[in-house]
Amino acid sequence: MKNFVYFLLFLCCLAFGQDHGRPVYVVDGRDNQKYKAVRIGDHVWMARNLNYNSGIFNSSWCNDCKVYGRLYDWDTAKKACPEGWHLPSRKEWNDLIKTVSFASRLRSARWNNGADDFEFDALPGGYLFSSGLMGTDYINVGANGYWWTSTEDVDGNAFVKYMGSDYDEVPEWSQRKSRGFSVRCVKSFD
C-alpha cells in the first residue's frame, strides 16, 4: 500500500510538473545557458530573468547580467525567448499574481522581504531609462524589478509589471517600448 501511495504522488508530480526533489531545467540552445523552470498555477515559468544576447545593437543591455539577466527593448523582448517559450501577456502575468497573492512570495529570498515560496526567484534588476551618446541610465537596480508583458496599450506603449521590496502588490504601468526591462519567459503550449 505504501508503494502505491508513493506511485500516486509521483504521478501527481509528473502531471503538474512539480517534482520538488528534482528541479526541471531548460537549456537555451542558442547560447547553452540553463534556466530553472517552475509551474505556478496553469503556466510554466522560467525561474530566472532571460540573459540571451540577441546581438542586435542597442536593443538589449547589461548592468549585472550574471545576477539580473539582460534588459531588452520591447521589440527585442517579444523575440528573445527561446523556441517553445514566449514573452508573457498581461493576462498571463495577472494569472501568476492571482495564484501567488503577494509579491513577496515571488521575490527571491536574496531580496529584502522575499520569501520565494514558488521558486520564481524575482530579483530587483531595475530598468534602463535611456541609452545613448551620453551614457546609459540604469534606474532602481537593487531596489525594484520590472518585466515586460507582450501586451500593448492604446497609446502604442506596452505594459510592464514591477515589484519592490516595500510593497506586496505587483502593479503595472505603461512604458515606452524603447526602454529596457527584464524578460521572464513562459512555456508555450500550442
N, C-alpha and C. Protein backbone atom coordinates (compact mmCIF):
# COMPACT_ATOMS: atom_id res chain seq x y z
N MET A 1 0.82 -1.19 0.00
CA MET A 1 0.00 0.00 0.00
C MET A 1 0.87 1.26 0.00
N LYS A 2 1.93 1.23 0.81
CA LYS A 2 2.81 2.38 0.91
C LYS A 2 3.43 2.69 -0.45
N ASN A 3 3.87 1.68 -1.19
CA ASN A 3 4.45 1.88 -2.52
C ASN A 3 3.42 2.45 -3.49
N PHE A 4 2.18 2.01 -3.37
CA PHE A 4 1.11 2.53 -4.23
C PHE A 4 0.90 4.02 -3.99
N VAL A 5 0.92 4.46 -2.74
CA VAL A 5 0.77 5.88 -2.40
C VAL A 5 1.92 6.68 -2.99
N TYR A 6 3.15 6.19 -2.87
CA TYR A 6 4.30 6.87 -3.45
C TYR A 6 4.18 6.97 -4.97
N PHE A 7 3.68 5.89 -5.58
CA PHE A 7 3.49 5.89 -7.02
C PHE A 7 2.46 6.97 -7.42
N LEU A 8 1.36 7.06 -6.68
CA LEU A 8 0.35 8.09 -6.97
C LEU A 8 0.93 9.50 -6.80
N LEU A 9 1.71 9.71 -5.76
CA LEU A 9 2.35 11.02 -5.56
C LEU A 9 3.29 11.33 -6.72
N PHE A 10 4.04 10.33 -7.17
CA PHE A 10 4.94 10.52 -8.30
C PHE A 10 4.16 10.93 -9.55
N LEU A 11 3.04 10.25 -9.82
CA LEU A 11 2.22 10.58 -10.98
C LEU A 11 1.65 11.99 -10.87
N CYS A 12 1.23 12.38 -9.68
CA CYS A 12 0.73 13.75 -9.49
C CYS A 12 1.82 14.77 -9.77
N CYS A 13 3.01 14.50 -9.29
CA CYS A 13 4.13 15.41 -9.53
C CYS A 13 4.41 15.54 -11.02
N LEU A 14 4.38 14.43 -11.73
CA LEU A 14 4.59 14.48 -13.18
C LEU A 14 3.49 15.25 -13.87
N ALA A 15 2.26 15.00 -13.47
CA ALA A 15 1.11 15.65 -14.11
C ALA A 15 1.14 17.15 -13.92
N PHE A 16 1.60 17.59 -12.78
CA PHE A 16 1.62 19.02 -12.51
C PHE A 16 3.00 19.63 -12.70
N GLY A 17 3.96 18.86 -13.17
CA GLY A 17 5.28 19.40 -13.46
C GLY A 17 6.07 19.78 -12.23
N GLN A 18 5.72 19.27 -11.09
CA GLN A 18 6.38 19.67 -9.86
C GLN A 18 6.97 18.45 -9.18
N ASP A 19 8.20 18.21 -9.39
CA ASP A 19 8.90 17.18 -8.64
C ASP A 19 9.89 17.93 -7.77
N HIS A 20 9.47 18.25 -6.54
CA HIS A 20 10.28 19.10 -5.69
C HIS A 20 11.61 18.47 -5.32
N GLY A 21 11.75 17.18 -5.53
CA GLY A 21 13.03 16.54 -5.28
C GLY A 21 14.03 16.80 -6.40
N ARG A 22 13.53 17.03 -7.61
CA ARG A 22 14.40 17.26 -8.76
C ARG A 22 13.89 18.46 -9.56
N PRO A 23 14.61 19.56 -9.51
CA PRO A 23 14.17 20.71 -10.29
C PRO A 23 14.26 20.43 -11.79
N VAL A 24 13.44 21.11 -12.56
CA VAL A 24 13.44 20.98 -14.00
C VAL A 24 14.23 22.15 -14.57
N TYR A 25 15.14 21.86 -15.50
CA TYR A 25 15.95 22.90 -16.11
C TYR A 25 15.75 22.88 -17.62
N VAL A 26 15.85 24.05 -18.20
CA VAL A 26 15.74 24.23 -19.64
C VAL A 26 17.05 24.83 -20.12
N VAL A 27 17.60 24.29 -21.20
CA VAL A 27 18.83 24.83 -21.77
C VAL A 27 18.46 25.58 -23.05
N ASP A 28 18.87 26.84 -23.11
CA ASP A 28 18.66 27.65 -24.31
C ASP A 28 19.72 27.24 -25.33
N GLY A 29 19.32 26.57 -26.39
CA GLY A 29 20.25 26.06 -27.39
C GLY A 29 21.02 27.13 -28.13
N ARG A 30 20.59 28.37 -28.05
CA ARG A 30 21.28 29.45 -28.76
C ARG A 30 22.60 29.82 -28.09
N ASP A 31 22.66 29.70 -26.76
CA ASP A 31 23.88 30.08 -26.04
C ASP A 31 24.22 29.13 -24.89
N ASN A 32 23.46 28.03 -24.77
CA ASN A 32 23.67 26.99 -23.75
C ASN A 32 23.49 27.47 -22.31
N GLN A 33 22.80 28.57 -22.10
CA GLN A 33 22.50 28.98 -20.72
C GLN A 33 21.37 28.12 -20.18
N LYS A 34 21.46 27.82 -18.89
CA LYS A 34 20.49 26.94 -18.24
C LYS A 34 19.57 27.78 -17.36
N TYR A 35 18.26 27.48 -17.47
CA TYR A 35 17.24 28.18 -16.70
C TYR A 35 16.38 27.16 -15.96
N LYS A 36 16.18 27.39 -14.68
CA LYS A 36 15.26 26.56 -13.91
C LYS A 36 13.84 26.93 -14.36
N ALA A 37 12.95 25.95 -14.43
CA ALA A 37 11.56 26.18 -14.80
C ALA A 37 10.66 25.70 -13.67
N VAL A 38 9.63 26.50 -13.37
CA VAL A 38 8.69 26.15 -12.30
C VAL A 38 7.25 26.31 -12.79
N ARG A 39 6.39 25.41 -12.34
CA ARG A 39 4.97 25.52 -12.65
C ARG A 39 4.32 26.32 -11.52
N ILE A 40 3.61 27.38 -11.92
CA ILE A 40 2.85 28.18 -10.97
C ILE A 40 1.47 28.35 -11.58
N GLY A 41 0.49 27.77 -10.93
CA GLY A 41 -0.86 27.80 -11.50
C GLY A 41 -0.89 26.98 -12.78
N ASP A 42 -1.43 27.58 -13.83
CA ASP A 42 -1.58 26.89 -15.11
C ASP A 42 -0.41 27.11 -16.07
N HIS A 43 0.64 27.78 -15.62
CA HIS A 43 1.74 28.14 -16.52
C HIS A 43 3.07 27.64 -15.99
N VAL A 44 4.00 27.40 -16.90
CA VAL A 44 5.37 27.05 -16.54
C VAL A 44 6.24 28.27 -16.88
N TRP A 45 6.95 28.77 -15.88
CA TRP A 45 7.76 29.98 -16.00
C TRP A 45 9.24 29.67 -15.86
N MET A 46 10.07 30.43 -16.54
CA MET A 46 11.50 30.38 -16.24
C MET A 46 11.68 31.06 -14.89
N ALA A 47 12.51 30.48 -14.06
CA ALA A 47 12.71 30.97 -12.71
C ALA A 47 13.97 31.83 -12.62
N ARG A 48 14.23 32.55 -13.68
CA ARG A 48 15.35 33.48 -13.74
C ARG A 48 15.10 34.41 -14.92
N ASN A 49 15.59 35.63 -14.82
CA ASN A 49 15.45 36.56 -15.94
C ASN A 49 16.28 36.08 -17.12
N LEU A 50 15.74 36.29 -18.30
CA LEU A 50 16.43 35.88 -19.52
C LEU A 50 17.75 36.65 -19.65
N ASN A 51 18.76 35.96 -20.15
CA ASN A 51 20.09 36.56 -20.30
C ASN A 51 20.64 36.28 -21.70
N TYR A 52 19.78 36.23 -22.69
CA TYR A 52 20.20 35.96 -24.06
C TYR A 52 20.59 37.26 -24.75
N ASN A 53 21.79 37.29 -25.32
CA ASN A 53 22.24 38.45 -26.08
C ASN A 53 21.81 38.28 -27.52
N SER A 54 20.84 39.09 -27.94
CA SER A 54 20.28 38.97 -29.28
C SER A 54 21.27 39.39 -30.36
N GLY A 55 22.30 40.13 -29.98
CA GLY A 55 23.28 40.60 -30.95
C GLY A 55 22.82 41.81 -31.75
N ILE A 56 21.63 42.28 -31.49
CA ILE A 56 21.11 43.46 -32.18
C ILE A 56 21.58 44.70 -31.42
N PHE A 57 22.30 45.55 -32.10
CA PHE A 57 22.88 46.74 -31.46
C PHE A 57 21.80 47.60 -30.81
N ASN A 58 22.07 48.01 -29.59
CA ASN A 58 21.24 48.94 -28.84
C ASN A 58 19.80 48.45 -28.64
N SER A 59 19.65 47.14 -28.42
CA SER A 59 18.30 46.61 -28.17
C SER A 59 18.25 45.75 -26.89
N SER A 60 19.43 45.41 -26.34
CA SER A 60 19.49 44.75 -25.03
C SER A 60 20.77 45.20 -24.35
N TRP A 61 20.69 45.27 -23.02
CA TRP A 61 21.78 45.85 -22.25
C TRP A 61 22.05 45.04 -20.99
N CYS A 62 23.25 45.22 -20.46
CA CYS A 62 23.65 44.54 -19.23
C CYS A 62 24.09 45.56 -18.19
N ASN A 63 23.59 45.40 -17.00
CA ASN A 63 24.15 46.11 -15.86
C ASN A 63 24.95 45.08 -15.05
N ASP A 64 24.31 44.01 -14.65
CA ASP A 64 24.97 42.87 -14.00
C ASP A 64 24.24 41.62 -14.48
N CYS A 65 24.57 41.19 -15.70
CA CYS A 65 23.84 40.10 -16.35
C CYS A 65 23.87 38.79 -15.58
N LYS A 66 24.96 38.48 -14.91
CA LYS A 66 25.04 37.22 -14.19
C LYS A 66 24.02 37.16 -13.05
N VAL A 67 23.73 38.30 -12.46
CA VAL A 67 22.77 38.34 -11.36
C VAL A 67 21.36 38.62 -11.87
N TYR A 68 21.19 39.67 -12.69
CA TYR A 68 19.87 40.17 -13.05
C TYR A 68 19.39 39.80 -14.45
N GLY A 69 20.22 39.22 -15.27
CA GLY A 69 19.85 38.98 -16.66
C GLY A 69 19.97 40.28 -17.46
N ARG A 70 19.59 40.22 -18.72
CA ARG A 70 19.66 41.38 -19.61
C ARG A 70 18.38 42.19 -19.54
N LEU A 71 18.48 43.44 -19.95
CA LEU A 71 17.33 44.31 -20.14
C LEU A 71 17.12 44.46 -21.64
N TYR A 72 15.85 44.46 -22.08
CA TYR A 72 15.53 44.46 -23.51
C TYR A 72 14.55 45.58 -23.84
N ASP A 73 14.66 46.12 -25.06
CA ASP A 73 13.56 46.96 -25.54
C ASP A 73 12.41 46.02 -25.89
N TRP A 74 11.22 46.57 -26.08
CA TRP A 74 10.04 45.72 -26.24
C TRP A 74 10.07 44.87 -27.50
N ASP A 75 10.50 45.45 -28.62
CA ASP A 75 10.54 44.68 -29.87
C ASP A 75 11.47 43.48 -29.75
N THR A 76 12.61 43.67 -29.11
CA THR A 76 13.56 42.57 -28.92
C THR A 76 13.02 41.57 -27.89
N ALA A 77 12.37 42.08 -26.84
CA ALA A 77 11.80 41.22 -25.81
C ALA A 77 10.79 40.25 -26.40
N LYS A 78 10.00 40.70 -27.37
CA LYS A 78 8.98 39.83 -27.97
C LYS A 78 9.58 38.64 -28.70
N LYS A 79 10.85 38.78 -29.14
CA LYS A 79 11.51 37.71 -29.90
C LYS A 79 12.63 37.02 -29.14
N ALA A 80 12.88 37.44 -27.91
CA ALA A 80 14.07 36.98 -27.18
C ALA A 80 13.95 35.59 -26.57
N CYS A 81 12.76 35.15 -26.24
CA CYS A 81 12.60 33.84 -25.58
C CYS A 81 12.97 32.72 -26.54
N PRO A 82 13.53 31.64 -26.01
CA PRO A 82 13.91 30.51 -26.88
C PRO A 82 12.68 29.81 -27.46
N GLU A 83 12.93 28.97 -28.44
CA GLU A 83 11.85 28.23 -29.09
C GLU A 83 11.05 27.44 -28.05
N GLY A 84 9.73 27.51 -28.16
CA GLY A 84 8.86 26.82 -27.22
C GLY A 84 8.47 27.66 -26.02
N TRP A 85 8.98 28.89 -25.96
CA TRP A 85 8.71 29.82 -24.87
C TRP A 85 8.30 31.15 -25.49
N HIS A 86 7.67 32.02 -24.70
CA HIS A 86 7.27 33.32 -25.22
C HIS A 86 7.24 34.37 -24.12
N LEU A 87 7.21 35.64 -24.55
CA LEU A 87 7.05 36.75 -23.63
C LEU A 87 5.62 36.71 -23.10
N PRO A 88 5.43 36.68 -21.78
CA PRO A 88 4.08 36.54 -21.23
C PRO A 88 3.21 37.77 -21.48
N SER A 89 1.95 37.53 -21.67
CA SER A 89 0.98 38.60 -21.84
C SER A 89 0.64 39.21 -20.48
N ARG A 90 -0.06 40.30 -20.52
CA ARG A 90 -0.56 40.92 -19.30
C ARG A 90 -1.46 39.92 -18.56
N LYS A 91 -2.29 39.18 -19.28
CA LYS A 91 -3.18 38.19 -18.67
C LYS A 91 -2.38 37.08 -17.98
N GLU A 92 -1.32 36.59 -18.62
CA GLU A 92 -0.51 35.53 -18.00
C GLU A 92 0.15 36.04 -16.72
N TRP A 93 0.63 37.28 -16.73
CA TRP A 93 1.18 37.87 -15.50
C TRP A 93 0.09 37.97 -14.44
N ASN A 94 -1.11 38.43 -14.84
CA ASN A 94 -2.20 38.57 -13.86
C ASN A 94 -2.61 37.21 -13.30
N ASP A 95 -2.59 36.16 -14.12
CA ASP A 95 -2.86 34.80 -13.62
C ASP A 95 -1.83 34.40 -12.57
N LEU A 96 -0.57 34.70 -12.85
CA LEU A 96 0.51 34.40 -11.90
C LEU A 96 0.27 35.11 -10.58
N ILE A 97 -0.02 36.39 -10.65
CA ILE A 97 -0.23 37.20 -9.44
C ILE A 97 -1.44 36.70 -8.65
N LYS A 98 -2.50 36.35 -9.36
CA LYS A 98 -3.70 35.82 -8.69
C LYS A 98 -3.38 34.51 -7.96
N THR A 99 -2.56 33.67 -8.57
CA THR A 99 -2.20 32.39 -7.97
C THR A 99 -1.38 32.58 -6.69
N VAL A 100 -0.42 33.51 -6.70
CA VAL A 100 0.50 33.63 -5.56
C VAL A 100 0.04 34.62 -4.50
N SER A 101 -0.86 35.52 -4.84
CA SER A 101 -1.45 36.51 -3.94
C SER A 101 -0.54 37.69 -3.59
N PHE A 102 0.71 37.44 -3.21
CA PHE A 102 1.59 38.52 -2.74
C PHE A 102 2.93 38.49 -3.46
N ALA A 103 3.46 39.66 -3.76
CA ALA A 103 4.75 39.78 -4.44
C ALA A 103 5.88 39.12 -3.65
N SER A 104 5.81 39.20 -2.32
CA SER A 104 6.89 38.61 -1.51
C SER A 104 7.04 37.12 -1.77
N ARG A 105 5.97 36.47 -2.22
CA ARG A 105 6.02 35.03 -2.49
C ARG A 105 6.77 34.73 -3.79
N LEU A 106 6.99 35.77 -4.62
CA LEU A 106 7.76 35.63 -5.86
C LEU A 106 9.17 36.18 -5.74
N ARG A 107 9.35 37.14 -4.82
CA ARG A 107 10.66 37.76 -4.66
C ARG A 107 11.67 36.76 -4.12
N SER A 108 12.86 36.82 -4.68
CA SER A 108 13.95 35.96 -4.23
C SER A 108 14.19 36.14 -2.74
N ALA A 109 14.57 35.06 -2.08
CA ALA A 109 14.94 35.14 -0.67
C ALA A 109 16.18 36.01 -0.49
N ARG A 110 16.93 36.23 -1.58
CA ARG A 110 18.11 37.11 -1.53
C ARG A 110 17.71 38.59 -1.55
N TRP A 111 16.45 38.88 -1.81
CA TRP A 111 15.94 40.24 -1.90
C TRP A 111 15.23 40.57 -0.59
N ASN A 112 15.34 41.81 -0.15
CA ASN A 112 14.70 42.27 1.07
C ASN A 112 13.21 41.89 1.07
N ASN A 113 12.75 41.26 2.13
CA ASN A 113 11.35 40.85 2.30
C ASN A 113 10.90 39.80 1.29
N GLY A 114 11.81 39.04 0.73
CA GLY A 114 11.44 38.00 -0.22
C GLY A 114 11.29 36.65 0.45
N ALA A 115 10.24 35.93 0.10
CA ALA A 115 10.03 34.59 0.64
C ALA A 115 10.31 33.52 -0.41
N ASP A 116 10.10 33.85 -1.68
CA ASP A 116 10.33 32.94 -2.80
C ASP A 116 9.64 31.60 -2.62
N ASP A 117 8.40 31.63 -2.18
CA ASP A 117 7.62 30.42 -1.92
C ASP A 117 7.43 29.55 -3.16
N PHE A 118 7.48 30.16 -4.35
CA PHE A 118 7.22 29.42 -5.59
C PHE A 118 8.48 29.20 -6.43
N GLU A 119 9.65 29.53 -5.86
CA GLU A 119 10.94 29.37 -6.54
C GLU A 119 11.01 30.19 -7.84
N PHE A 120 10.32 31.31 -7.87
CA PHE A 120 10.32 32.20 -9.03
C PHE A 120 11.59 33.05 -9.08
N ASP A 121 12.17 33.32 -7.92
CA ASP A 121 13.47 33.98 -7.78
C ASP A 121 13.54 35.38 -8.43
N ALA A 122 12.49 36.18 -8.24
CA ALA A 122 12.48 37.54 -8.78
C ALA A 122 13.52 38.40 -8.06
N LEU A 123 14.33 39.10 -8.83
CA LEU A 123 15.37 39.97 -8.29
C LEU A 123 15.19 41.40 -8.81
N PRO A 124 15.68 42.39 -8.06
CA PRO A 124 15.48 43.80 -8.42
C PRO A 124 16.52 44.30 -9.44
N GLY A 125 16.31 43.95 -10.70
CA GLY A 125 17.25 44.32 -11.76
C GLY A 125 17.12 45.75 -12.27
N GLY A 126 16.14 46.50 -11.77
CA GLY A 126 15.95 47.87 -12.23
C GLY A 126 15.52 47.92 -13.68
N TYR A 127 15.73 49.08 -14.30
CA TYR A 127 15.41 49.22 -15.72
C TYR A 127 16.33 50.23 -16.37
N LEU A 128 16.32 50.24 -17.68
CA LEU A 128 17.13 51.17 -18.45
C LEU A 128 16.22 52.29 -18.93
N PHE A 129 16.51 53.51 -18.47
CA PHE A 129 15.72 54.66 -18.87
C PHE A 129 16.09 55.13 -20.26
N SER A 130 17.39 55.24 -20.48
CA SER A 130 17.85 55.66 -21.81
C SER A 130 19.27 55.17 -22.04
N SER A 131 19.61 55.01 -23.30
CA SER A 131 20.95 54.62 -23.69
C SER A 131 21.31 55.45 -24.90
N GLY A 132 22.43 56.12 -24.82
CA GLY A 132 22.80 56.96 -25.95
C GLY A 132 24.22 57.45 -25.84
N LEU A 133 24.53 58.50 -26.56
CA LEU A 133 25.89 59.02 -26.60
C LEU A 133 26.37 59.51 -25.24
N MET A 134 25.46 59.94 -24.40
CA MET A 134 25.85 60.48 -23.10
C MET A 134 25.94 59.39 -22.03
N GLY A 135 25.76 58.14 -22.40
CA GLY A 135 25.85 57.05 -21.43
C GLY A 135 24.54 56.32 -21.27
N THR A 136 24.50 55.46 -20.30
CA THR A 136 23.35 54.62 -20.05
C THR A 136 22.84 54.90 -18.65
N ASP A 137 21.53 55.09 -18.53
CA ASP A 137 20.90 55.40 -17.25
C ASP A 137 20.15 54.19 -16.72
N TYR A 138 20.77 53.46 -15.78
CA TYR A 138 20.10 52.36 -15.12
C TYR A 138 19.40 52.92 -13.88
N ILE A 139 18.13 52.56 -13.71
CA ILE A 139 17.32 53.11 -12.63
C ILE A 139 16.86 51.97 -11.70
N ASN A 140 16.93 52.21 -10.39
CA ASN A 140 16.39 51.31 -9.36
C ASN A 140 17.00 49.92 -9.31
N VAL A 141 18.21 49.74 -9.81
CA VAL A 141 18.88 48.45 -9.69
C VAL A 141 19.10 48.17 -8.20
N GLY A 142 18.72 46.99 -7.76
CA GLY A 142 18.84 46.64 -6.35
C GLY A 142 17.64 47.04 -5.51
N ALA A 143 16.71 47.81 -6.10
CA ALA A 143 15.53 48.26 -5.36
C ALA A 143 14.24 47.68 -5.92
N ASN A 144 14.07 47.71 -7.25
CA ASN A 144 12.83 47.24 -7.89
C ASN A 144 13.15 46.35 -9.08
N GLY A 145 12.22 45.46 -9.39
CA GLY A 145 12.32 44.64 -10.58
C GLY A 145 11.18 44.98 -11.53
N TYR A 146 11.47 44.97 -12.84
CA TYR A 146 10.49 45.36 -13.87
C TYR A 146 10.55 44.34 -15.00
N TRP A 147 9.37 43.90 -15.48
CA TRP A 147 9.31 42.89 -16.52
C TRP A 147 8.30 43.29 -17.60
N TRP A 148 8.72 43.12 -18.85
CA TRP A 148 7.84 43.39 -19.98
C TRP A 148 6.68 42.40 -20.00
N THR A 149 5.54 42.85 -20.51
CA THR A 149 4.48 41.96 -20.96
C THR A 149 4.44 42.10 -22.48
N SER A 150 3.75 41.20 -23.14
CA SER A 150 3.62 41.29 -24.60
C SER A 150 2.43 42.17 -25.00
N THR A 151 1.77 42.76 -24.01
CA THR A 151 0.53 43.50 -24.24
C THR A 151 0.78 44.99 -24.43
N GLU A 152 0.27 45.50 -25.55
CA GLU A 152 0.36 46.94 -25.83
C GLU A 152 -0.83 47.67 -25.22
N ASP A 153 -0.65 48.95 -24.95
CA ASP A 153 -1.78 49.76 -24.50
C ASP A 153 -2.33 50.56 -25.69
N VAL A 154 -3.33 51.35 -25.46
CA VAL A 154 -3.99 52.08 -26.55
C VAL A 154 -3.12 53.20 -27.11
N ASP A 155 -2.11 53.64 -26.38
CA ASP A 155 -1.23 54.71 -26.83
C ASP A 155 -0.02 54.20 -27.61
N GLY A 156 0.07 52.90 -27.84
CA GLY A 156 1.21 52.35 -28.57
C GLY A 156 2.40 52.04 -27.68
N ASN A 157 2.24 52.16 -26.37
CA ASN A 157 3.28 51.73 -25.43
C ASN A 157 2.98 50.28 -25.06
N ALA A 158 3.72 49.74 -24.10
CA ALA A 158 3.47 48.37 -23.65
C ALA A 158 3.47 48.33 -22.13
N PHE A 159 2.78 47.33 -21.58
CA PHE A 159 2.66 47.22 -20.13
C PHE A 159 3.87 46.51 -19.53
N VAL A 160 4.26 46.99 -18.36
CA VAL A 160 5.37 46.45 -17.58
C VAL A 160 4.83 46.13 -16.19
N LYS A 161 5.18 44.97 -15.65
CA LYS A 161 4.87 44.61 -14.26
C LYS A 161 6.08 44.93 -13.42
N TYR A 162 5.86 45.36 -12.18
CA TYR A 162 7.02 45.64 -11.33
C TYR A 162 6.77 45.24 -9.88
N MET A 163 7.90 44.96 -9.21
CA MET A 163 7.90 44.58 -7.80
C MET A 163 8.94 45.41 -7.08
N GLY A 164 8.60 45.77 -5.87
CA GLY A 164 9.54 46.45 -4.98
C GLY A 164 9.56 45.74 -3.65
N SER A 165 10.54 46.03 -2.82
CA SER A 165 10.64 45.36 -1.53
C SER A 165 9.74 46.00 -0.48
N ASP A 166 9.17 47.17 -0.78
CA ASP A 166 8.38 47.89 0.20
C ASP A 166 6.88 47.66 0.09
N TYR A 167 6.44 46.88 -0.88
CA TYR A 167 5.00 46.65 -1.05
C TYR A 167 4.77 45.25 -1.57
N ASP A 168 3.56 44.75 -1.35
CA ASP A 168 3.27 43.37 -1.69
C ASP A 168 2.35 43.21 -2.90
N GLU A 169 2.11 44.28 -3.63
CA GLU A 169 1.36 44.20 -4.87
C GLU A 169 2.35 44.04 -6.03
N VAL A 170 1.81 43.68 -7.19
CA VAL A 170 2.59 43.65 -8.42
C VAL A 170 1.84 44.56 -9.41
N PRO A 171 2.04 45.88 -9.26
CA PRO A 171 1.34 46.81 -10.13
C PRO A 171 1.93 46.81 -11.54
N GLU A 172 1.29 47.55 -12.42
CA GLU A 172 1.79 47.67 -13.78
C GLU A 172 1.76 49.13 -14.18
N TRP A 173 2.54 49.42 -15.21
CA TRP A 173 2.50 50.74 -15.80
C TRP A 173 2.82 50.62 -17.27
N SER A 174 2.39 51.59 -18.01
CA SER A 174 2.61 51.62 -19.44
C SER A 174 3.91 52.37 -19.71
N GLN A 175 4.78 51.79 -20.55
CA GLN A 175 6.09 52.38 -20.79
C GLN A 175 6.41 52.43 -22.27
N ARG A 176 7.30 53.35 -22.61
CA ARG A 176 7.79 53.43 -23.99
C ARG A 176 8.52 52.14 -24.33
N LYS A 177 8.33 51.70 -25.54
CA LYS A 177 8.91 50.43 -25.98
C LYS A 177 10.43 50.49 -26.15
N SER A 178 11.01 51.67 -26.16
CA SER A 178 12.45 51.82 -26.33
C SER A 178 13.22 51.63 -25.02
N ARG A 179 12.53 51.63 -23.89
CA ARG A 179 13.20 51.46 -22.60
C ARG A 179 13.56 50.00 -22.39
N GLY A 180 14.47 49.74 -21.46
CA GLY A 180 14.95 48.39 -21.22
C GLY A 180 14.42 47.80 -19.94
N PHE A 181 13.73 46.66 -20.05
CA PHE A 181 13.19 45.95 -18.90
C PHE A 181 13.57 44.47 -18.99
N SER A 182 13.47 43.79 -17.87
CA SER A 182 13.76 42.36 -17.82
C SER A 182 12.69 41.54 -18.55
N VAL A 183 13.05 40.30 -18.86
CA VAL A 183 12.14 39.37 -19.52
C VAL A 183 12.10 38.07 -18.72
N ARG A 184 10.89 37.61 -18.44
CA ARG A 184 10.65 36.26 -17.95
C ARG A 184 9.91 35.54 -19.06
N CYS A 185 10.34 34.37 -19.39
CA CYS A 185 9.69 33.60 -20.45
C CYS A 185 8.72 32.60 -19.82
N VAL A 186 7.64 32.34 -20.54
CA VAL A 186 6.64 31.38 -20.11
C VAL A 186 6.50 30.33 -21.21
N LYS A 187 6.26 29.09 -20.82
CA LYS A 187 6.19 27.98 -21.76
C LYS A 187 4.99 28.12 -22.67
N SER A 188 5.21 27.89 -23.96
CA SER A 188 4.12 27.89 -24.95
C SER A 188 3.54 26.50 -25.02
N PHE A 189 2.23 26.39 -24.98
CA PHE A 189 1.54 25.11 -25.11
C PHE A 189 0.61 25.19 -26.31
N ASP A 190 1.16 25.08 -27.49
CA ASP A 190 0.34 25.16 -28.70
C ASP A 190 0.05 23.77 -29.21
